[in-house]
Amino acid sequence: MAGIKGIGGIPEPAPDRSASVRDKKRDETVKSAQSQDDVLISSEAQAAAKLAQLLQVARQQTDVRAERVAAAKAAIERGDYKKPEVVQEVARRIQDLLG
């Protein structure tokens, strides 16, 4: 069997680097690209995840105290929650829960 050793006296081109050097360089490039991957989660997605977590916790709470519910309904009907100092305290507590 005869092999071709170039055409018209022109030798076949040889690679500048050996295959092992070329493969090593490619592997380093792939590793470098992989180490630069980042995940960015928007603030809206973070807030939605927090809300979902809080809803799950709320669903697991089964102890409803009827006397506290009745007292809260009575206070609403009396207008107790319309007082500025009560509104301010409720807002502060909500802010503490969310912050």
PDB file of N, CA and C in Angstrom:
ATOM      1  N   MET A   1       0.841  -1.169   0.000  1.00  0.00           N
ATOM      2  CA  MET A   1       0.000   0.000   0.000  1.00  0.00           C
ATOM      3  C   MET A   1       0.888   1.234   0.000  1.00  0.00           C
ATOM      4  N   ALA A   2       0.524   2.202  -0.743  1.00  0.00           N
ATOM      5  CA  ALA A   2       1.326   3.409  -0.877  1.00  0.00           C
ATOM      6  C   ALA A   2       0.632   4.554  -0.153  1.00  0.00           C
ATOM      7  N   GLY A   3       1.398   5.378   0.518  1.00  0.00           N
ATOM      8  CA  GLY A   3       0.847   6.531   1.197  1.00  0.00           C
ATOM      9  C   GLY A   3       1.204   7.798   0.464  1.00  0.00           C
ATOM     10  N   ILE A   4       0.437   8.822   0.661  1.00  0.00           N
ATOM     11  CA  ILE A   4       0.722  10.104   0.019  1.00  0.00           C
ATOM     12  C   ILE A   4       1.603  10.901   0.964  1.00  0.00           C
ATOM     13  N   LYS A   5       2.701  11.389   0.459  1.00  0.00           N
ATOM     14  CA  LYS A   5       3.632  12.163   1.269  1.00  0.00           C
ATOM     15  C   LYS A   5       3.704  13.586   0.761  1.00  0.00           C
ATOM     16  N   GLY A   6       2.574  14.149   0.442  1.00  0.00           N
ATOM     17  CA  GLY A   6       2.555  15.501  -0.078  1.00  0.00           C
ATOM     18  C   GLY A   6       2.199  15.481  -1.542  1.00  0.00           C
ATOM     19  N   ILE A   7       1.872  16.594  -2.057  1.00  0.00           N
ATOM     20  CA  ILE A   7       1.492  16.697  -3.462  1.00  0.00           C
ATOM     21  C   ILE A   7       2.513  17.575  -4.167  1.00  0.00           C
ATOM     22  N   GLY A   8       3.048  17.071  -5.242  1.00  0.00           N
ATOM     23  CA  GLY A   8       3.987  17.839  -6.046  1.00  0.00           C
ATOM     24  C   GLY A   8       5.211  18.278  -5.275  1.00  0.00           C
ATOM     25  N   GLY A   9       5.663  17.450  -4.350  1.00  0.00           N
ATOM     26  CA  GLY A   9       6.875  17.779  -3.612  1.00  0.00           C
ATOM     27  C   GLY A   9       6.641  18.668  -2.400  1.00  0.00           C
ATOM     28  N   ILE A  10       5.398  19.083  -2.160  1.00  0.00           N
ATOM     29  CA  ILE A  10       5.081  19.929  -0.995  1.00  0.00           C
ATOM     30  C   ILE A  10       4.752  18.998   0.162  1.00  0.00           C
ATOM     31  N   PRO A  11       5.471  19.096   1.266  1.00  0.00           N
ATOM     32  CA  PRO A  11       5.216  18.195   2.386  1.00  0.00           C
ATOM     33  C   PRO A  11       3.865  18.486   3.049  1.00  0.00           C
ATOM     34  N   GLU A  12       3.290  17.463   3.663  1.00  0.00           N
ATOM     35  CA  GLU A  12       2.028  17.601   4.382  1.00  0.00           C
ATOM     36  C   GLU A  12       2.239  18.504   5.593  1.00  0.00           C
ATOM     37  N   PRO A  13       1.316  19.411   5.866  1.00  0.00           N
ATOM     38  CA  PRO A  13       1.514  20.323   6.999  1.00  0.00           C
ATOM     39  C   PRO A  13       1.515  19.570   8.320  1.00  0.00           C
ATOM     40  N   ALA A  14       2.339  20.024   9.225  1.00  0.00           N
ATOM     41  CA  ALA A  14       2.416  19.447  10.562  1.00  0.00           C
ATOM     42  C   ALA A  14       1.834  20.456  11.549  1.00  0.00           C
ATOM     43  N   PRO A  15       1.112  19.983  12.553  1.00  0.00           N
ATOM     44  CA  PRO A  15       0.550  20.920  13.545  1.00  0.00           C
ATOM     45  C   PRO A  15       1.661  21.615  14.320  1.00  0.00           C
ATOM     46  N   ASP A  16       1.363  22.866  14.749  1.00  0.00           N
ATOM     47  CA  ASP A  16       2.345  23.632  15.521  1.00  0.00           C
ATOM     48  C   ASP A  16       2.595  23.002  16.877  1.00  0.00           C
ATOM     49  N   ARG A  17       1.538  22.414  17.461  1.00  0.00           N
ATOM     50  CA  ARG A  17       1.651  21.809  18.791  1.00  0.00           C
ATOM     51  C   ARG A  17       1.212  20.356  18.712  1.00  0.00           C
ATOM     52  N   SER A  18       1.695  19.590  19.639  1.00  0.00           N
ATOM     53  CA  SER A  18       1.273  18.195  19.678  1.00  0.00           C
ATOM     54  C   SER A  18      -0.168  18.114  20.176  1.00  0.00           C
ATOM     55  N   ALA A  19      -0.806  16.994  19.943  1.00  0.00           N
ATOM     56  CA  ALA A  19      -2.206  16.818  20.339  1.00  0.00           C
ATOM     57  C   ALA A  19      -2.391  16.962  21.842  1.00  0.00           C
ATOM     58  N   SER A  20      -1.440  16.486  22.635  1.00  0.00           N
ATOM     59  CA  SER A  20      -1.599  16.568  24.097  1.00  0.00           C
ATOM     60  C   SER A  20      -1.562  18.015  24.579  1.00  0.00           C
ATOM     61  N   VAL A  21      -0.719  18.834  23.989  1.00  0.00           N
ATOM     62  CA  VAL A  21      -0.650  20.251  24.365  1.00  0.00           C
ATOM     63  C   VAL A  21      -1.939  20.951  23.945  1.00  0.00           C
ATOM     64  N   ARG A  22      -2.411  20.656  22.735  1.00  0.00           N
ATOM     65  CA  ARG A  22      -3.630  21.261  22.223  1.00  0.00           C
ATOM     66  C   ARG A  22      -4.826  20.878  23.106  1.00  0.00           C
ATOM     67  N   ASP A  23      -4.935  19.600  23.489  1.00  0.00           N
ATOM     68  CA  ASP A  23      -6.031  19.139  24.337  1.00  0.00           C
ATOM     69  C   ASP A  23      -5.968  19.763  25.722  1.00  0.00           C
ATOM     70  N   LYS A  24      -4.762  19.904  26.265  1.00  0.00           N
ATOM     71  CA  LYS A  24      -4.594  20.511  27.587  1.00  0.00           C
ATOM     72  C   LYS A  24      -5.077  21.955  27.556  1.00  0.00           C
ATOM     73  N   LYS A  25      -4.726  22.684  26.522  1.00  0.00           N
ATOM     74  CA  LYS A  25      -5.131  24.084  26.388  1.00  0.00           C
ATOM     75  C   LYS A  25      -6.662  24.170  26.290  1.00  0.00           C
ATOM     76  N   ARG A  26      -7.285  23.256  25.521  1.00  0.00           N
ATOM     77  CA  ARG A  26      -8.733  23.253  25.380  1.00  0.00           C
ATOM     78  C   ARG A  26      -9.395  22.970  26.728  1.00  0.00           C
ATOM     79  N   ASP A  27      -8.861  22.005  27.490  1.00  0.00           N
ATOM     80  CA  ASP A  27      -9.413  21.672  28.804  1.00  0.00           C
ATOM     81  C   ASP A  27      -9.326  22.861  29.755  1.00  0.00           C
ATOM     82  N   GLU A  28      -8.215  23.587  29.719  1.00  0.00           N
ATOM     83  CA  GLU A  28      -8.066  24.767  30.577  1.00  0.00           C
ATOM     84  C   GLU A  28      -9.086  25.833  30.207  1.00  0.00           C
ATOM     85  N   THR A  29      -9.341  25.998  28.922  1.00  0.00           N
ATOM     86  CA  THR A  29     -10.328  26.979  28.468  1.00  0.00           C
ATOM     87  C   THR A  29     -11.718  26.599  28.948  1.00  0.00           C
ATOM     88  N   VAL A  30     -12.068  25.336  28.859  1.00  0.00           N
ATOM     89  CA  VAL A  30     -13.379  24.866  29.308  1.00  0.00           C
ATOM     90  C   VAL A  30     -13.520  25.070  30.812  1.00  0.00           C
ATOM     91  N   LYS A  31     -12.498  24.715  31.587  1.00  0.00           N
ATOM     92  CA  LYS A  31     -12.549  24.895  33.042  1.00  0.00           C
ATOM     93  C   LYS A  31     -12.684  26.366  33.396  1.00  0.00           C
ATOM     94  N   SER A  32     -11.972  27.234  32.677  1.00  0.00           N
ATOM     95  CA  SER A  32     -12.035  28.662  32.935  1.00  0.00           C
ATOM     96  C   SER A  32     -13.434  29.188  32.672  1.00  0.00           C
ATOM     97  N   ALA A  33     -14.038  28.747  31.592  1.00  0.00           N
ATOM     98  CA  ALA A  33     -15.396  29.191  31.265  1.00  0.00           C
ATOM     99  C   ALA A  33     -16.386  28.695  32.309  1.00  0.00           C
ATOM    100  N   GLN A  34     -16.196  27.489  32.812  1.00  0.00           N
ATOM    101  CA  GLN A  34     -17.117  26.942  33.800  1.00  0.00           C
ATOM    102  C   GLN A  34     -16.998  27.679  35.130  1.00  0.00           C
ATOM    103  N   SER A  35     -15.833  28.107  35.505  1.00  0.00           N
ATOM    104  CA  SER A  35     -15.648  28.770  36.795  1.00  0.00           C
ATOM    105  C   SER A  35     -16.195  30.191  36.792  1.00  0.00           C
ATOM    106  N   GLN A  36     -16.548  30.712  35.642  1.00  0.00           N
ATOM    107  CA  GLN A  36     -17.041  32.080  35.558  1.00  0.00           C
ATOM    108  C   GLN A  36     -18.558  32.154  35.489  1.00  0.00           C
ATOM    109  N   ASP A  37     -19.243  31.015  35.555  1.00  0.00           N
ATOM    110  CA  ASP A  37     -20.700  31.015  35.507  1.00  0.00           C
ATOM    111  C   ASP A  37     -21.260  31.597  36.793  1.00  0.00           C
ATOM    112  N   ASP A  38     -22.281  32.426  36.659  1.00  0.00           N
ATOM    113  CA  ASP A  38     -22.942  33.037  37.808  1.00  0.00           C
ATOM    114  C   ASP A  38     -24.448  32.876  37.660  1.00  0.00           C
ATOM    115  N   VAL A  39     -25.128  32.890  38.785  1.00  0.00           N
ATOM    116  CA  VAL A  39     -26.578  32.879  38.796  1.00  0.00           C
ATOM    117  C   VAL A  39     -27.016  34.138  39.526  1.00  0.00           C
ATOM    118  N   LEU A  40     -27.830  34.923  38.862  1.00  0.00           N
ATOM    119  CA  LEU A  40     -28.354  36.139  39.473  1.00  0.00           C
ATOM    120  C   LEU A  40     -29.859  35.975  39.641  1.00  0.00           C
ATOM    121  N   ILE A  41     -30.338  36.168  40.854  1.00  0.00           N
ATOM    122  CA  ILE A  41     -31.762  36.042  41.148  1.00  0.00           C
ATOM    123  C   ILE A  41     -32.289  37.443  41.421  1.00  0.00           C
ATOM    124  N   SER A  42     -33.304  37.833  40.675  1.00  0.00           N
ATOM    125  CA  SER A  42     -33.846  39.183  40.809  1.00  0.00           C
ATOM    126  C   SER A  42     -34.460  39.377  42.194  1.00  0.00           C
ATOM    127  N   SER A  43     -34.568  40.634  42.584  1.00  0.00           N
ATOM    128  CA  SER A  43     -35.161  40.935  43.888  1.00  0.00           C
ATOM    129  C   SER A  43     -36.635  40.531  43.913  1.00  0.00           C
ATOM    130  N   GLU A  44     -37.303  40.608  42.747  1.00  0.00           N
ATOM    131  CA  GLU A  44     -38.698  40.188  42.681  1.00  0.00           C
ATOM    132  C   GLU A  44     -38.817  38.687  42.938  1.00  0.00           C
ATOM    133  N   ALA A  45     -37.910  37.910  42.360  1.00  0.00           N
ATOM    134  CA  ALA A  45     -37.938  36.454  42.564  1.00  0.00           C
ATOM    135  C   ALA A  45     -37.618  36.114  44.019  1.00  0.00           C
ATOM    136  N   GLN A  46     -36.692  36.855  44.613  1.00  0.00           N
ATOM    137  CA  GLN A  46     -36.357  36.617  46.016  1.00  0.00           C
ATOM    138  C   GLN A  46     -37.556  36.938  46.908  1.00  0.00           C
ATOM    139  N   ALA A  47     -38.261  38.031  46.603  1.00  0.00           N
ATOM    140  CA  ALA A  47     -39.440  38.407  47.387  1.00  0.00           C
ATOM    141  C   ALA A  47     -40.550  37.358  47.225  1.00  0.00           C
ATOM    142  N   ALA A  48     -40.715  36.856  46.000  1.00  0.00           N
ATOM    143  CA  ALA A  48     -41.727  35.827  45.758  1.00  0.00           C
ATOM    144  C   ALA A  48     -41.389  34.547  46.522  1.00  0.00           C
ATOM    145  N   ALA A  49     -40.121  34.189  46.570  1.00  0.00           N
ATOM    146  CA  ALA A  49     -39.704  32.994  47.309  1.00  0.00           C
ATOM    147  C   ALA A  49     -39.952  33.178  48.804  1.00  0.00           C
ATOM    148  N   LYS A  50     -39.655  34.355  49.307  1.00  0.00           N
ATOM    149  CA  LYS A  50     -39.885  34.646  50.726  1.00  0.00           C
ATOM    150  C   LYS A  50     -41.381  34.571  51.055  1.00  0.00           C
ATOM    151  N   LEU A  51     -42.203  35.143  50.172  1.00  0.00           N
ATOM    152  CA  LEU A  51     -43.652  35.105  50.371  1.00  0.00           C
ATOM    153  C   LEU A  51     -44.162  33.670  50.342  1.00  0.00           C
ATOM    154  N   ALA A  52     -43.675  32.869  49.404  1.00  0.00           N
ATOM    155  CA  ALA A  52     -44.084  31.468  49.322  1.00  0.00           C
ATOM    156  C   ALA A  52     -43.699  30.723  50.598  1.00  0.00           C
ATOM    157  N   GLN A  53     -42.515  31.026  51.128  1.00  0.00           N
ATOM    158  CA  GLN A  53     -42.072  30.387  52.367  1.00  0.00           C
ATOM    159  C   GLN A  53     -42.982  30.791  53.530  1.00  0.00           C
ATOM    160  N   LEU A  54     -43.314  32.069  53.619  1.00  0.00           N
ATOM    161  CA  LEU A  54     -44.182  32.541  54.698  1.00  0.00           C
ATOM    162  C   LEU A  54     -45.583  31.945  54.585  1.00  0.00           C
ATOM    163  N   LEU A  55     -46.089  31.831  53.350  1.00  0.00           N
ATOM    164  CA  LEU A  55     -47.408  31.214  53.166  1.00  0.00           C
ATOM    165  C   LEU A  55     -47.402  29.751  53.580  1.00  0.00           C
ATOM    166  N   GLN A  56     -46.322  29.057  53.278  1.00  0.00           N
ATOM    167  CA  GLN A  56     -46.223  27.649  53.677  1.00  0.00           C
ATOM    168  C   GLN A  56     -46.226  27.527  55.194  1.00  0.00           C
ATOM    169  N   VAL A  57     -45.494  28.393  55.871  1.00  0.00           N
ATOM    170  CA  VAL A  57     -45.459  28.376  57.335  1.00  0.00           C
ATOM    171  C   VAL A  57     -46.851  28.696  57.888  1.00  0.00           C
ATOM    172  N   ALA A  58     -47.527  29.666  57.276  1.00  0.00           N
ATOM    173  CA  ALA A  58     -48.862  30.047  57.747  1.00  0.00           C
ATOM    174  C   ALA A  58     -49.859  28.902  57.578  1.00  0.00           C
ATOM    175  N   ARG A  59     -49.727  28.164  56.477  1.00  0.00           N
ATOM    176  CA  ARG A  59     -50.637  27.030  56.258  1.00  0.00           C
ATOM    177  C   ARG A  59     -50.420  25.924  57.282  1.00  0.00           C
ATOM    178  N   GLN A  60     -49.220  25.819  57.793  1.00  0.00           N
ATOM    179  CA  GLN A  60     -48.912  24.776  58.765  1.00  0.00           C
ATOM    180  C   GLN A  60     -49.399  25.133  60.166  1.00  0.00           C
ATOM    181  N   GLN A  61     -49.681  26.395  60.389  1.00  0.00           N
ATOM    182  CA  GLN A  61     -50.171  26.828  61.693  1.00  0.00           C
ATOM    183  C   GLN A  61     -51.652  26.479  61.801  1.00  0.00           C
ATOM    184  N   THR A  62     -51.984  25.598  62.716  1.00  0.00           N
ATOM    185  CA  THR A  62     -53.373  25.154  62.834  1.00  0.00           C
ATOM    186  C   THR A  62     -54.067  25.677  64.085  1.00  0.00           C
ATOM    187  N   ASP A  63     -53.323  26.237  65.008  1.00  0.00           N
ATOM    188  CA  ASP A  63     -53.946  26.651  66.258  1.00  0.00           C
ATOM    189  C   ASP A  63     -54.547  28.058  66.128  1.00  0.00           C
ATOM    190  N   VAL A  64     -55.868  28.101  65.873  1.00  0.00           N
ATOM    191  CA  VAL A  64     -56.599  29.355  65.808  1.00  0.00           C
ATOM    192  C   VAL A  64     -57.326  29.502  67.140  1.00  0.00           C
ATOM    193  N   ARG A  65     -57.025  30.584  67.815  1.00  0.00           N
ATOM    194  CA  ARG A  65     -57.661  30.811  69.117  1.00  0.00           C
ATOM    195  C   ARG A  65     -58.931  31.636  68.915  1.00  0.00           C
ATOM    196  N   ALA A  66     -60.049  30.987  69.079  1.00  0.00           N
ATOM    197  CA  ALA A  66     -61.348  31.605  68.811  1.00  0.00           C
ATOM    198  C   ALA A  66     -61.556  32.869  69.648  1.00  0.00           C
ATOM    199  N   GLU A  67     -61.097  32.844  70.901  1.00  0.00           N
ATOM    200  CA  GLU A  67     -61.293  34.025  71.765  1.00  0.00           C
ATOM    201  C   GLU A  67     -60.518  35.236  71.254  1.00  0.00           C
ATOM    202  N   ARG A  68     -59.323  34.988  70.675  1.00  0.00           N
ATOM    203  CA  ARG A  68     -58.517  36.097  70.111  1.00  0.00           C
ATOM    204  C   ARG A  68     -59.163  36.633  68.836  1.00  0.00           C
ATOM    205  N   VAL A  69     -59.728  35.738  68.027  1.00  0.00           N
ATOM    206  CA  VAL A  69     -60.413  36.159  66.805  1.00  0.00           C
ATOM    207  C   VAL A  69     -61.640  36.995  67.172  1.00  0.00           C
ATOM    208  N   ALA A  70     -62.390  36.554  68.149  1.00  0.00           N
ATOM    209  CA  ALA A  70     -63.583  37.296  68.583  1.00  0.00           C
ATOM    210  C   ALA A  70     -63.191  38.673  69.131  1.00  0.00           C
ATOM    211  N   ALA A  71     -62.132  38.728  69.911  1.00  0.00           N
ATOM    212  CA  ALA A  71     -61.682  40.012  70.464  1.00  0.00           C
ATOM    213  C   ALA A  71     -61.232  40.947  69.345  1.00  0.00           C
ATOM    214  N   ALA A  72     -60.543  40.430  68.337  1.00  0.00           N
ATOM    215  CA  ALA A  72     -60.083  41.260  67.217  1.00  0.00           C
ATOM    216  C   ALA A  72     -61.272  41.786  66.415  1.00  0.00           C
ATOM    217  N   LYS A  73     -62.285  40.943  66.180  1.00  0.00           N
ATOM    218  CA  LYS A  73     -63.485  41.387  65.458  1.00  0.00           C
ATOM    219  C   LYS A  73     -64.194  42.501  66.223  1.00  0.00           C
ATOM    220  N   ALA A  74     -64.278  42.337  67.525  1.00  0.00           N
ATOM    221  CA  ALA A  74     -64.934  43.364  68.351  1.00  0.00           C
ATOM    222  C   ALA A  74     -64.152  44.674  68.301  1.00  0.00           C
ATOM    223  N   ALA A  75     -62.834  44.595  68.338  1.00  0.00           N
ATOM    224  CA  ALA A  75     -62.001  45.802  68.280  1.00  0.00           C
ATOM    225  C   ALA A  75     -62.150  46.496  66.931  1.00  0.00           C
ATOM    226  N   ILE A  76     -62.273  45.725  65.865  1.00  0.00           N
ATOM    227  CA  ILE A  76     -62.476  46.315  64.537  1.00  0.00           C
ATOM    228  C   ILE A  76     -63.819  47.026  64.483  1.00  0.00           C
ATOM    229  N   GLU A  77     -64.846  46.376  64.998  1.00  0.00           N
ATOM    230  CA  GLU A  77     -66.181  46.979  64.988  1.00  0.00           C
ATOM    231  C   GLU A  77     -66.242  48.251  65.832  1.00  0.00           C
ATOM    232  N   ARG A  78     -65.497  48.300  66.920  1.00  0.00           N
ATOM    233  CA  ARG A  78     -65.451  49.504  67.760  1.00  0.00           C
ATOM    234  C   ARG A  78     -64.627  50.612  67.117  1.00  0.00           C
ATOM    235  N   GLY A  79     -63.787  50.264  66.145  1.00  0.00           N
ATOM    236  CA  GLY A  79     -62.946  51.274  65.499  1.00  0.00           C
ATOM    237  C   GLY A  79     -61.613  51.465  66.187  1.00  0.00           C
ATOM    238  N   ASP A  80     -61.236  50.521  67.040  1.00  0.00           N
ATOM    239  CA  ASP A  80     -59.972  50.653  67.776  1.00  0.00           C
ATOM    240  C   ASP A  80     -58.753  50.736  66.849  1.00  0.00           C
ATOM    241  N   TYR A  81     -58.834  50.090  65.706  1.00  0.00           N
ATOM    242  CA  TYR A  81     -57.679  50.039  64.813  1.00  0.00           C
ATOM    243  C   TYR A  81     -57.551  51.276  63.928  1.00  0.00           C
ATOM    244  N   LYS A  82     -58.481  52.220  64.082  1.00  0.00           N
ATOM    245  CA  LYS A  82     -58.405  53.456  63.309  1.00  0.00           C
ATOM    246  C   LYS A  82     -57.655  54.551  64.054  1.00  0.00           C
ATOM    247  N   LYS A  83     -57.304  54.301  65.295  1.00  0.00           N
ATOM    248  CA  LYS A  83     -56.560  55.282  66.083  1.00  0.00           C
ATOM    249  C   LYS A  83     -55.135  55.374  65.536  1.00  0.00           C
ATOM    250  N   PRO A  84     -54.588  56.589  65.420  1.00  0.00           N
ATOM    251  CA  PRO A  84     -53.250  56.768  64.829  1.00  0.00           C
ATOM    252  C   PRO A  84     -52.156  55.964  65.535  1.00  0.00           C
ATOM    253  N   GLU A  85     -52.219  55.898  66.855  1.00  0.00           N
ATOM    254  CA  GLU A  85     -51.165  55.165  67.572  1.00  0.00           C
ATOM    255  C   GLU A  85     -51.248  53.656  67.301  1.00  0.00           C
ATOM    256  N   VAL A  86     -52.459  53.148  67.102  1.00  0.00           N
ATOM    257  CA  VAL A  86     -52.628  51.728  66.788  1.00  0.00           C
ATOM    258  C   VAL A  86     -52.152  51.453  65.363  1.00  0.00           C
ATOM    259  N   VAL A  87     -52.519  52.324  64.434  1.00  0.00           N
ATOM    260  CA  VAL A  87     -52.090  52.167  63.042  1.00  0.00           C
ATOM    261  C   VAL A  87     -50.568  52.182  62.960  1.00  0.00           C
ATOM    262  N   GLN A  88     -49.944  53.093  63.695  1.00  0.00           N
ATOM    263  CA  GLN A  88     -48.483  53.190  63.688  1.00  0.00           C
ATOM    264  C   GLN A  88     -47.843  51.912  64.263  1.00  0.00           C
ATOM    265  N   GLU A  89     -48.404  51.383  65.324  1.00  0.00           N
ATOM    266  CA  GLU A  89     -47.856  50.165  65.935  1.00  0.00           C
ATOM    267  C   GLU A  89     -48.027  48.958  65.002  1.00  0.00           C
ATOM    268  N   VAL A  90     -49.165  48.853  64.352  1.00  0.00           N
ATOM    269  CA  VAL A  90     -49.394  47.756  63.405  1.00  0.00           C
ATOM    270  C   VAL A  90     -48.399  47.857  62.243  1.00  0.00           C
ATOM    271  N   ALA A  91     -48.224  49.068  61.725  1.00  0.00           N
ATOM    272  CA  ALA A  91     -47.271  49.272  60.629  1.00  0.00           C
ATOM    273  C   ALA A  91     -45.850  48.888  61.060  1.00  0.00           C
ATOM    274  N   ARG A  92     -45.472  49.242  62.279  1.00  0.00           N
ATOM    275  CA  ARG A  92     -44.141  48.918  62.784  1.00  0.00           C
ATOM    276  C   ARG A  92     -43.956  47.395  62.870  1.00  0.00           C
ATOM    277  N   ARG A  93     -44.989  46.710  63.371  1.00  0.00           N
ATOM    278  CA  ARG A  93     -44.869  45.254  63.511  1.00  0.00           C
ATOM    279  C   ARG A  93     -44.809  44.562  62.152  1.00  0.00           C
ATOM    280  N   ILE A  94     -45.595  45.065  61.193  1.00  0.00           N
ATOM    281  CA  ILE A  94     -45.530  44.498  59.840  1.00  0.00           C
ATOM    282  C   ILE A  94     -44.148  44.714  59.244  1.00  0.00           C
ATOM    283  N   GLN A  95     -43.618  45.909  59.451  1.00  0.00           N
ATOM    284  CA  GLN A  95     -42.264  46.212  58.944  1.00  0.00           C
ATOM    285  C   GLN A  95     -41.215  45.303  59.577  1.00  0.00           C
ATOM    286  N   ASP A  96     -41.356  45.026  60.865  1.00  0.00           N
ATOM    287  CA  ASP A  96     -40.419  44.113  61.543  1.00  0.00           C
ATOM    288  C   ASP A  96     -40.499  42.700  60.953  1.00  0.00           C
ATOM    289  N   LEU A  97     -41.709  42.261  60.613  1.00  0.00           N
ATOM    290  CA  LEU A  97     -41.871  40.933  60.021  1.00  0.00           C
ATOM    291  C   LEU A  97     -41.268  40.849  58.633  1.00  0.00           C
ATOM    292  N   LEU A  98     -41.391  41.911  57.863  1.00  0.00           N
ATOM    293  CA  LEU A  98     -40.894  41.915  56.488  1.00  0.00           C
ATOM    294  C   LEU A  98     -39.414  42.234  56.391  1.00  0.00           C
ATOM    295  N   GLY A  99     -38.893  42.932  57.365  1.00  0.00           N
ATOM    296  CA  GLY A  99     -37.491  43.379  57.290  1.00  0.00           C
ATOM    297  C   GLY A  99     -36.572  42.379  57.787  1.00  0.00           C
TER     298      GLY A  99
END
